Amino acid sequence: MDRLSKEQRHRNMAAIHNKGTKPEVMVRKFLFSRGFRYRINHHQLPGKPDIVLRKYNTCIFINGCFWHGHDGCKYFVIPKTRTEFWHAKIERNKERDSENKQQLASMGWHCITIWECQLKSKVREVTLESLLYTLSLIFLKNHQSKSYEQLEDSSLMVAEP
């Protein structure tokens, strides 16, 4: 049995938004303070990624542990009422997330997922620093200089020895 009335539950669920959540704002402020420029909720990409870094060809998804079914997380607990509905809903969300990431990867985008529990105060700093490290690696990989092989064919000489 639910502790809240039907109207109270409706108000609570209606207040949950999918844009500008506290975890998203936290990551965006961190990236902006480090000089990264980005687009938010890019509507032309599959899944409308929360943060898009075009320079790095990277999409960042900031997922709520409950809504996206973070396996092994203490914040992901199926409610005791209407368990079939919630199980099906969360499984659909997981499948859709996977499909969107596959589509983005086939388009050449890197996908990074940050979970809500990874932004809790105890592990936030480690998570954000590892995000910074990952983005640095992606940038270096995308902008590697190409090495040229030395040709040893003497017929390519311009002047005679």
N, C-alpha and C. Protein backbone atom coordinates (compact mmCIF):
# COMPACT_ATOMS: atom_id res chain seq x y z
N MET A 1 0.83 -1.18 0.00
CA MET A 1 0.00 0.00 0.00
C MET A 1 0.88 1.25 0.00
N ASP A 2 0.49 2.22 -0.77
CA ASP A 2 1.25 3.45 -0.88
C ASP A 2 0.94 4.36 0.32
N ARG A 3 1.97 5.00 0.86
CA ARG A 3 1.80 5.90 2.00
C ARG A 3 1.10 7.19 1.60
N LEU A 4 1.21 7.57 0.36
CA LEU A 4 0.63 8.82 -0.11
C LEU A 4 -0.69 8.57 -0.82
N SER A 5 -1.54 9.61 -0.81
CA SER A 5 -2.79 9.49 -1.55
C SER A 5 -2.49 9.54 -3.05
N LYS A 6 -3.48 9.21 -3.84
CA LYS A 6 -3.29 9.20 -5.29
C LYS A 6 -2.92 10.59 -5.80
N GLU A 7 -3.56 11.64 -5.25
CA GLU A 7 -3.26 13.00 -5.68
C GLU A 7 -1.86 13.44 -5.26
N GLN A 8 -1.45 13.08 -4.05
CA GLN A 8 -0.10 13.43 -3.60
C GLN A 8 0.96 12.72 -4.45
N ARG A 9 0.74 11.45 -4.75
CA ARG A 9 1.68 10.70 -5.59
C ARG A 9 1.75 11.32 -6.97
N HIS A 10 0.61 11.72 -7.51
CA HIS A 10 0.57 12.35 -8.83
C HIS A 10 1.39 13.64 -8.83
N ARG A 11 1.24 14.46 -7.80
CA ARG A 11 2.02 15.71 -7.70
C ARG A 11 3.51 15.42 -7.61
N ASN A 12 3.88 14.42 -6.82
CA ASN A 12 5.30 14.06 -6.69
C ASN A 12 5.88 13.61 -8.02
N MET A 13 5.17 12.75 -8.72
CA MET A 13 5.69 12.21 -9.99
C MET A 13 5.71 13.29 -11.07
N ALA A 14 4.75 14.21 -11.04
CA ALA A 14 4.70 15.28 -12.04
C ALA A 14 5.83 16.28 -11.84
N ALA A 15 6.36 16.35 -10.63
CA ALA A 15 7.43 17.30 -10.33
C ALA A 15 8.80 16.81 -10.80
N ILE A 16 8.88 15.55 -11.22
CA ILE A 16 10.16 15.01 -11.67
C ILE A 16 10.36 15.37 -13.14
N HIS A 17 11.41 16.11 -13.42
CA HIS A 17 11.68 16.57 -14.78
C HIS A 17 12.86 15.81 -15.37
N ASN A 18 12.96 15.86 -16.71
CA ASN A 18 14.06 15.15 -17.36
C ASN A 18 15.17 16.09 -17.83
N LYS A 19 15.04 17.37 -17.60
CA LYS A 19 16.07 18.33 -18.01
C LYS A 19 16.45 19.19 -16.81
N GLY A 20 17.71 19.57 -16.77
CA GLY A 20 18.16 20.49 -15.74
C GLY A 20 18.12 19.90 -14.33
N THR A 21 18.35 18.62 -14.23
CA THR A 21 18.35 17.99 -12.91
C THR A 21 19.61 18.39 -12.15
N LYS A 22 19.59 18.19 -10.85
CA LYS A 22 20.73 18.58 -10.02
C LYS A 22 22.02 17.88 -10.46
N PRO A 23 22.01 16.56 -10.74
CA PRO A 23 23.25 15.92 -11.22
C PRO A 23 23.74 16.50 -12.55
N GLU A 24 22.81 16.80 -13.47
CA GLU A 24 23.21 17.38 -14.75
C GLU A 24 23.87 18.74 -14.56
N VAL A 25 23.26 19.58 -13.75
CA VAL A 25 23.80 20.92 -13.52
C VAL A 25 25.18 20.83 -12.88
N MET A 26 25.36 19.87 -11.99
CA MET A 26 26.65 19.68 -11.32
C MET A 26 27.75 19.35 -12.34
N VAL A 27 27.45 18.43 -13.26
CA VAL A 27 28.43 18.04 -14.28
C VAL A 27 28.67 19.19 -15.24
N ARG A 28 27.61 19.89 -15.63
CA ARG A 28 27.76 21.01 -16.55
C ARG A 28 28.62 22.12 -15.95
N LYS A 29 28.41 22.45 -14.69
CA LYS A 29 29.22 23.48 -14.03
C LYS A 29 30.68 23.05 -13.96
N PHE A 30 30.91 21.78 -13.67
CA PHE A 30 32.29 21.28 -13.60
C PHE A 30 32.96 21.42 -14.96
N LEU A 31 32.28 20.96 -16.02
CA LEU A 31 32.87 21.03 -17.36
C LEU A 31 33.11 22.48 -17.79
N PHE A 32 32.15 23.35 -17.54
CA PHE A 32 32.29 24.75 -17.95
C PHE A 32 33.44 25.42 -17.21
N SER A 33 33.60 25.09 -15.92
CA SER A 33 34.69 25.69 -15.15
C SER A 33 36.06 25.22 -15.63
N ARG A 34 36.10 24.08 -16.31
CA ARG A 34 37.35 23.56 -16.85
C ARG A 34 37.57 23.95 -18.30
N GLY A 35 36.71 24.81 -18.84
CA GLY A 35 36.90 25.33 -20.19
C GLY A 35 36.20 24.56 -21.28
N PHE A 36 35.41 23.56 -20.94
CA PHE A 36 34.67 22.79 -21.95
C PHE A 36 33.42 23.55 -22.35
N ARG A 37 33.12 23.54 -23.62
CA ARG A 37 31.90 24.15 -24.13
C ARG A 37 31.06 23.04 -24.74
N TYR A 38 29.76 23.12 -24.56
CA TYR A 38 28.90 22.00 -24.90
C TYR A 38 27.52 22.48 -25.30
N ARG A 39 26.73 21.55 -25.79
CA ARG A 39 25.31 21.76 -26.06
C ARG A 39 24.55 20.84 -25.12
N ILE A 40 23.35 21.26 -24.72
CA ILE A 40 22.57 20.41 -23.83
C ILE A 40 21.32 19.90 -24.57
N ASN A 41 20.98 18.65 -24.31
CA ASN A 41 19.80 17.99 -24.88
C ASN A 41 19.69 18.22 -26.38
N HIS A 42 20.71 17.85 -27.11
CA HIS A 42 20.77 18.03 -28.57
C HIS A 42 19.68 17.19 -29.21
N HIS A 43 18.69 17.85 -29.81
CA HIS A 43 17.50 17.15 -30.31
C HIS A 43 17.74 16.36 -31.60
N GLN A 44 18.85 16.59 -32.30
CA GLN A 44 19.09 15.88 -33.55
C GLN A 44 19.84 14.56 -33.35
N LEU A 45 20.30 14.30 -32.15
CA LEU A 45 21.00 13.05 -31.88
C LEU A 45 20.07 12.07 -31.18
N PRO A 46 20.25 10.77 -31.44
CA PRO A 46 19.39 9.76 -30.80
C PRO A 46 19.49 9.83 -29.28
N GLY A 47 18.35 9.83 -28.61
CA GLY A 47 18.33 9.82 -27.16
C GLY A 47 18.47 11.18 -26.52
N LYS A 48 18.60 12.25 -27.31
CA LYS A 48 18.80 13.61 -26.79
C LYS A 48 19.79 13.61 -25.63
N PRO A 49 21.07 13.40 -25.91
CA PRO A 49 22.07 13.34 -24.83
C PRO A 49 22.02 14.58 -23.94
N ASP A 50 22.28 14.37 -22.65
CA ASP A 50 22.23 15.47 -21.69
C ASP A 50 23.28 16.53 -22.01
N ILE A 51 24.48 16.09 -22.38
CA ILE A 51 25.57 17.01 -22.72
C ILE A 51 26.24 16.50 -23.99
N VAL A 52 26.45 17.39 -24.94
CA VAL A 52 27.12 17.02 -26.19
C VAL A 52 28.36 17.90 -26.35
N LEU A 53 29.52 17.26 -26.44
CA LEU A 53 30.78 17.97 -26.67
C LEU A 53 31.20 17.67 -28.12
N ARG A 54 30.86 18.57 -29.03
CA ARG A 54 31.11 18.32 -30.44
C ARG A 54 32.60 18.25 -30.75
N LYS A 55 33.39 19.07 -30.10
CA LYS A 55 34.83 19.09 -30.34
C LYS A 55 35.45 17.72 -30.02
N TYR A 56 34.86 17.03 -29.05
CA TYR A 56 35.39 15.74 -28.61
C TYR A 56 34.59 14.58 -29.18
N ASN A 57 33.58 14.87 -30.00
CA ASN A 57 32.71 13.84 -30.56
C ASN A 57 32.16 12.94 -29.45
N THR A 58 31.70 13.56 -28.37
CA THR A 58 31.31 12.82 -27.18
C THR A 58 29.94 13.26 -26.69
N CYS A 59 29.14 12.27 -26.31
CA CYS A 59 27.84 12.50 -25.69
C CYS A 59 27.91 12.00 -24.25
N ILE A 60 27.39 12.78 -23.34
CA ILE A 60 27.36 12.39 -21.94
C ILE A 60 25.92 12.25 -21.50
N PHE A 61 25.59 11.08 -20.96
CA PHE A 61 24.28 10.82 -20.40
C PHE A 61 24.42 10.79 -18.89
N ILE A 62 23.59 11.55 -18.19
CA ILE A 62 23.59 11.52 -16.73
C ILE A 62 22.29 10.85 -16.33
N ASN A 63 22.40 9.59 -15.87
CA ASN A 63 21.23 8.77 -15.62
C ASN A 63 20.89 8.69 -14.14
N GLY A 64 19.61 8.76 -13.85
CA GLY A 64 19.13 8.50 -12.51
C GLY A 64 19.15 7.00 -12.26
N CYS A 65 19.64 6.59 -11.12
CA CYS A 65 19.79 5.16 -10.83
C CYS A 65 18.46 4.43 -10.87
N PHE A 66 17.40 5.05 -10.39
CA PHE A 66 16.09 4.39 -10.39
C PHE A 66 15.52 4.30 -11.79
N TRP A 67 15.45 5.42 -12.49
CA TRP A 67 14.76 5.47 -13.78
C TRP A 67 15.46 4.67 -14.87
N HIS A 68 16.76 4.50 -14.76
CA HIS A 68 17.50 3.79 -15.81
C HIS A 68 18.01 2.43 -15.34
N GLY A 69 17.62 2.00 -14.14
CA GLY A 69 17.91 0.65 -13.67
C GLY A 69 19.39 0.38 -13.47
N HIS A 70 20.04 1.12 -12.60
CA HIS A 70 21.46 0.92 -12.32
C HIS A 70 21.64 -0.34 -11.49
N ASP A 71 22.08 -1.41 -12.13
CA ASP A 71 22.23 -2.71 -11.46
C ASP A 71 23.28 -2.64 -10.36
N GLY A 72 22.95 -3.20 -9.22
CA GLY A 72 23.88 -3.24 -8.11
C GLY A 72 23.95 -1.96 -7.30
N CYS A 73 23.07 -1.03 -7.57
CA CYS A 73 23.08 0.26 -6.86
C CYS A 73 22.02 0.25 -5.77
N LYS A 74 22.36 0.84 -4.64
CA LYS A 74 21.40 0.85 -3.53
C LYS A 74 20.23 1.79 -3.79
N TYR A 75 20.36 2.70 -4.75
CA TYR A 75 19.28 3.62 -5.07
C TYR A 75 18.29 3.04 -6.08
N PHE A 76 18.60 1.88 -6.64
CA PHE A 76 17.70 1.22 -7.59
C PHE A 76 16.96 0.09 -6.88
N VAL A 77 15.74 0.41 -6.47
CA VAL A 77 14.88 -0.57 -5.82
C VAL A 77 13.52 -0.48 -6.49
N ILE A 78 13.04 -1.63 -6.98
CA ILE A 78 11.72 -1.67 -7.60
C ILE A 78 10.67 -1.43 -6.51
N PRO A 79 9.72 -0.52 -6.73
CA PRO A 79 8.68 -0.29 -5.73
C PRO A 79 7.87 -1.56 -5.46
N LYS A 80 7.33 -1.64 -4.28
CA LYS A 80 6.58 -2.83 -3.87
C LYS A 80 5.18 -2.86 -4.46
N THR A 81 4.68 -1.72 -4.89
CA THR A 81 3.36 -1.69 -5.54
C THR A 81 3.56 -1.64 -7.05
N ARG A 82 2.72 -2.33 -7.77
CA ARG A 82 2.74 -2.38 -9.24
C ARG A 82 4.12 -2.78 -9.76
N THR A 83 4.68 -3.84 -9.20
CA THR A 83 6.04 -4.26 -9.56
C THR A 83 6.15 -4.63 -11.03
N GLU A 84 5.10 -5.23 -11.60
CA GLU A 84 5.16 -5.63 -13.02
C GLU A 84 5.31 -4.39 -13.91
N PHE A 85 4.52 -3.35 -13.60
CA PHE A 85 4.59 -2.11 -14.37
C PHE A 85 5.97 -1.50 -14.30
N TRP A 86 6.52 -1.36 -13.07
CA TRP A 86 7.81 -0.72 -12.91
C TRP A 86 8.93 -1.53 -13.54
N HIS A 87 8.85 -2.85 -13.40
CA HIS A 87 9.88 -3.70 -14.00
C HIS A 87 9.89 -3.53 -15.52
N ALA A 88 8.69 -3.56 -16.13
CA ALA A 88 8.59 -3.39 -17.60
C ALA A 88 9.07 -2.01 -18.03
N LYS A 89 8.68 -0.99 -17.27
CA LYS A 89 9.07 0.39 -17.61
C LYS A 89 10.58 0.57 -17.57
N ILE A 90 11.20 0.08 -16.52
CA ILE A 90 12.65 0.24 -16.38
C ILE A 90 13.39 -0.59 -17.42
N GLU A 91 12.90 -1.77 -17.73
CA GLU A 91 13.52 -2.58 -18.79
C GLU A 91 13.43 -1.88 -20.13
N ARG A 92 12.28 -1.25 -20.44
CA ARG A 92 12.15 -0.47 -21.69
C ARG A 92 13.15 0.67 -21.71
N ASN A 93 13.32 1.34 -20.57
CA ASN A 93 14.30 2.43 -20.49
C ASN A 93 15.70 1.93 -20.77
N LYS A 94 16.06 0.77 -20.18
CA LYS A 94 17.40 0.20 -20.40
C LYS A 94 17.60 -0.16 -21.87
N GLU A 95 16.59 -0.77 -22.48
CA GLU A 95 16.70 -1.14 -23.90
C GLU A 95 16.85 0.09 -24.77
N ARG A 96 16.06 1.12 -24.50
CA ARG A 96 16.13 2.35 -25.28
C ARG A 96 17.49 3.02 -25.11
N ASP A 97 18.02 3.03 -23.89
CA ASP A 97 19.36 3.58 -23.66
C ASP A 97 20.40 2.85 -24.49
N SER A 98 20.31 1.53 -24.48
CA SER A 98 21.27 0.71 -25.23
C SER A 98 21.17 0.98 -26.73
N GLU A 99 19.95 1.04 -27.25
CA GLU A 99 19.76 1.31 -28.68
C GLU A 99 20.32 2.69 -29.06
N ASN A 100 20.04 3.69 -28.23
CA ASN A 100 20.54 5.04 -28.51
C ASN A 100 22.06 5.08 -28.53
N LYS A 101 22.69 4.39 -27.59
CA LYS A 101 24.15 4.37 -27.55
C LYS A 101 24.73 3.64 -28.75
N GLN A 102 24.08 2.58 -29.19
CA GLN A 102 24.55 1.88 -30.38
C GLN A 102 24.43 2.75 -31.61
N GLN A 103 23.33 3.48 -31.73
CA GLN A 103 23.15 4.39 -32.87
C GLN A 103 24.22 5.48 -32.86
N LEU A 104 24.46 6.05 -31.69
CA LEU A 104 25.48 7.10 -31.59
C LEU A 104 26.87 6.56 -31.92
N ALA A 105 27.18 5.36 -31.45
CA ALA A 105 28.48 4.76 -31.75
C ALA A 105 28.63 4.52 -33.24
N SER A 106 27.55 4.10 -33.90
CA SER A 106 27.63 3.87 -35.35
C SER A 106 27.79 5.18 -36.11
N MET A 107 27.40 6.29 -35.49
CA MET A 107 27.58 7.61 -36.10
C MET A 107 28.94 8.20 -35.77
N GLY A 108 29.75 7.48 -34.98
CA GLY A 108 31.09 7.94 -34.65
C GLY A 108 31.20 8.72 -33.35
N TRP A 109 30.18 8.70 -32.52
CA TRP A 109 30.19 9.42 -31.25
C TRP A 109 30.67 8.52 -30.13
N HIS A 110 31.40 9.10 -29.18
CA HIS A 110 31.75 8.41 -27.95
C HIS A 110 30.62 8.66 -26.96
N CYS A 111 30.26 7.63 -26.19
CA CYS A 111 29.18 7.78 -25.20
C CYS A 111 29.73 7.53 -23.80
N ILE A 112 29.43 8.44 -22.91
CA ILE A 112 29.84 8.32 -21.51
C ILE A 112 28.56 8.38 -20.68
N THR A 113 28.41 7.43 -19.75
CA THR A 113 27.27 7.43 -18.84
C THR A 113 27.76 7.71 -17.44
N ILE A 114 27.15 8.70 -16.81
CA ILE A 114 27.44 9.01 -15.41
C ILE A 114 26.16 8.73 -14.63
N TRP A 115 26.28 7.91 -13.60
CA TRP A 115 25.13 7.54 -12.79
C TRP A 115 24.98 8.52 -11.64
N GLU A 116 23.73 8.70 -11.23
CA GLU A 116 23.40 9.61 -10.14
C GLU A 116 24.18 9.29 -8.87
N CYS A 117 24.37 8.00 -8.57
CA CYS A 117 25.09 7.61 -7.35
C CYS A 117 26.57 7.96 -7.42
N GLN A 118 27.11 8.12 -8.63
CA GLN A 118 28.50 8.48 -8.79
C GLN A 118 28.74 9.97 -8.53
N LEU A 119 27.66 10.72 -8.35
CA LEU A 119 27.78 12.14 -8.08
C LEU A 119 27.42 12.48 -6.64
N LYS A 120 27.28 11.46 -5.81
CA LYS A 120 27.08 11.71 -4.38
C LYS A 120 28.37 12.25 -3.80
N SER A 121 28.28 12.96 -2.70
CA SER A 121 29.42 13.73 -2.18
C SER A 121 30.68 12.90 -1.93
N LYS A 122 30.54 11.63 -1.55
CA LYS A 122 31.72 10.82 -1.23
C LYS A 122 32.58 10.49 -2.45
N VAL A 123 31.95 10.30 -3.59
CA VAL A 123 32.70 9.87 -4.78
C VAL A 123 32.65 10.89 -5.93
N ARG A 124 32.03 12.04 -5.69
CA ARG A 124 31.86 13.03 -6.75
C ARG A 124 33.17 13.47 -7.36
N GLU A 125 34.14 13.81 -6.54
CA GLU A 125 35.42 14.33 -7.04
C GLU A 125 36.12 13.31 -7.93
N VAL A 126 36.13 12.05 -7.49
CA VAL A 126 36.77 10.99 -8.28
C VAL A 126 36.06 10.82 -9.63
N THR A 127 34.72 10.85 -9.60
CA THR A 127 33.95 10.70 -10.84
C THR A 127 34.24 11.83 -11.81
N LEU A 128 34.23 13.06 -11.34
CA LEU A 128 34.44 14.19 -12.23
C LEU A 128 35.87 14.25 -12.75
N GLU A 129 36.83 13.88 -11.92
CA GLU A 129 38.22 13.84 -12.40
C GLU A 129 38.42 12.73 -13.42
N SER A 130 37.75 11.60 -13.23
CA SER A 130 37.87 10.52 -14.22
C SER A 130 37.18 10.91 -15.52
N LEU A 131 36.12 11.71 -15.44
CA LEU A 131 35.47 12.23 -16.65
C LEU A 131 36.45 13.13 -17.40
N LEU A 132 37.12 14.00 -16.67
CA LEU A 132 38.12 14.89 -17.27
C LEU A 132 39.23 14.09 -17.95
N TYR A 133 39.70 13.05 -17.28
CA TYR A 133 40.75 12.19 -17.82
C TYR A 133 40.27 11.49 -19.09
N THR A 134 39.04 10.97 -19.06
CA THR A 134 38.49 10.28 -20.23
C THR A 134 38.36 11.23 -21.41
N LEU A 135 37.88 12.44 -21.16
CA LEU A 135 37.75 13.41 -22.25
C LEU A 135 39.11 13.80 -22.82
N SER A 136 40.12 13.87 -21.97
CA SER A 136 41.48 14.17 -22.45
C SER A 136 41.99 13.06 -23.35
N LEU A 137 41.74 11.82 -22.95
CA LEU A 137 42.16 10.68 -23.79
C LEU A 137 41.44 10.68 -25.12
N ILE A 138 40.14 10.97 -25.11
CA ILE A 138 39.38 11.02 -26.36
C ILE A 138 39.93 12.11 -27.26
N PHE A 139 40.23 13.27 -26.70
CA PHE A 139 40.77 14.37 -27.50
C PHE A 139 42.10 13.97 -28.12
N LEU A 140 42.98 13.37 -27.31
CA LEU A 140 44.29 12.97 -27.83
C LEU A 140 44.15 11.90 -28.91
N LYS A 141 43.24 10.98 -28.72
CA LYS A 141 43.03 9.92 -29.72
C LYS A 141 42.51 10.51 -31.02
N ASN A 142 41.58 11.47 -30.92
CA ASN A 142 41.00 12.07 -32.12
C ASN A 142 41.96 13.00 -32.84
N HIS A 143 42.95 13.54 -32.14
CA HIS A 143 43.85 14.52 -32.73
C HIS A 143 45.30 14.06 -32.77
N GLN A 144 45.48 12.76 -32.90
CA GLN A 144 46.85 12.24 -33.00
C GLN A 144 47.46 12.69 -34.32
N SER A 145 48.75 12.97 -34.27
CA SER A 145 49.43 13.31 -35.51
C SER A 145 49.75 12.01 -36.23
N LYS A 146 49.66 12.08 -37.54
CA LYS A 146 49.90 10.89 -38.34
C LYS A 146 51.39 10.79 -38.64
N SER A 147 51.92 9.61 -38.41
CA SER A 147 53.33 9.42 -38.72
C SER A 147 53.47 9.01 -40.19
N TYR A 148 54.48 9.54 -40.83
CA TYR A 148 54.73 9.24 -42.22
C TYR A 148 55.91 8.29 -42.32
N GLU A 149 55.76 7.33 -43.22
CA GLU A 149 56.84 6.36 -43.40
C GLU A 149 57.90 6.96 -44.31
N GLN A 150 59.13 6.62 -44.02
CA GLN A 150 60.25 7.08 -44.82
C GLN A 150 60.35 6.20 -46.06
N LEU A 151 60.29 6.83 -47.22
CA LEU A 151 60.41 6.08 -48.46
C LEU A 151 61.88 5.95 -48.81
N GLU A 152 62.30 4.74 -49.13
CA GLU A 152 63.71 4.50 -49.43
C GLU A 152 63.95 4.23 -50.91
N ASP A 153 63.01 4.65 -51.72
CA ASP A 153 63.17 4.44 -53.16
C ASP A 153 63.99 5.60 -53.72
N SER A 154 65.12 5.27 -54.33
CA SER A 154 66.04 6.30 -54.84
C SER A 154 65.50 7.00 -56.09
N SER A 155 64.48 6.43 -56.74
CA SER A 155 63.94 7.06 -57.92
C SER A 155 63.13 8.33 -57.59
N LEU A 156 62.85 8.55 -56.32
CA LEU A 156 62.08 9.72 -55.92
C LEU A 156 62.95 10.93 -55.62
N MET A 157 64.25 10.79 -55.79
CA MET A 157 65.17 11.89 -55.50
C MET A 157 65.01 12.99 -56.54
N VAL A 158 65.01 14.22 -56.12
CA VAL A 158 64.87 15.34 -57.03
C VAL A 158 66.20 15.67 -57.69
N ALA A 159 67.24 15.70 -56.91
CA ALA A 159 68.56 16.03 -57.45
C ALA A 159 69.42 14.76 -57.45
N GLU A 160 70.37 14.74 -58.38
CA GLU A 160 71.26 13.58 -58.44
C GLU A 160 72.32 13.71 -57.36
N PRO A 161 72.76 12.58 -56.80
CA PRO A 161 73.81 12.63 -55.79
C PRO A 161 75.16 12.99 -56.35
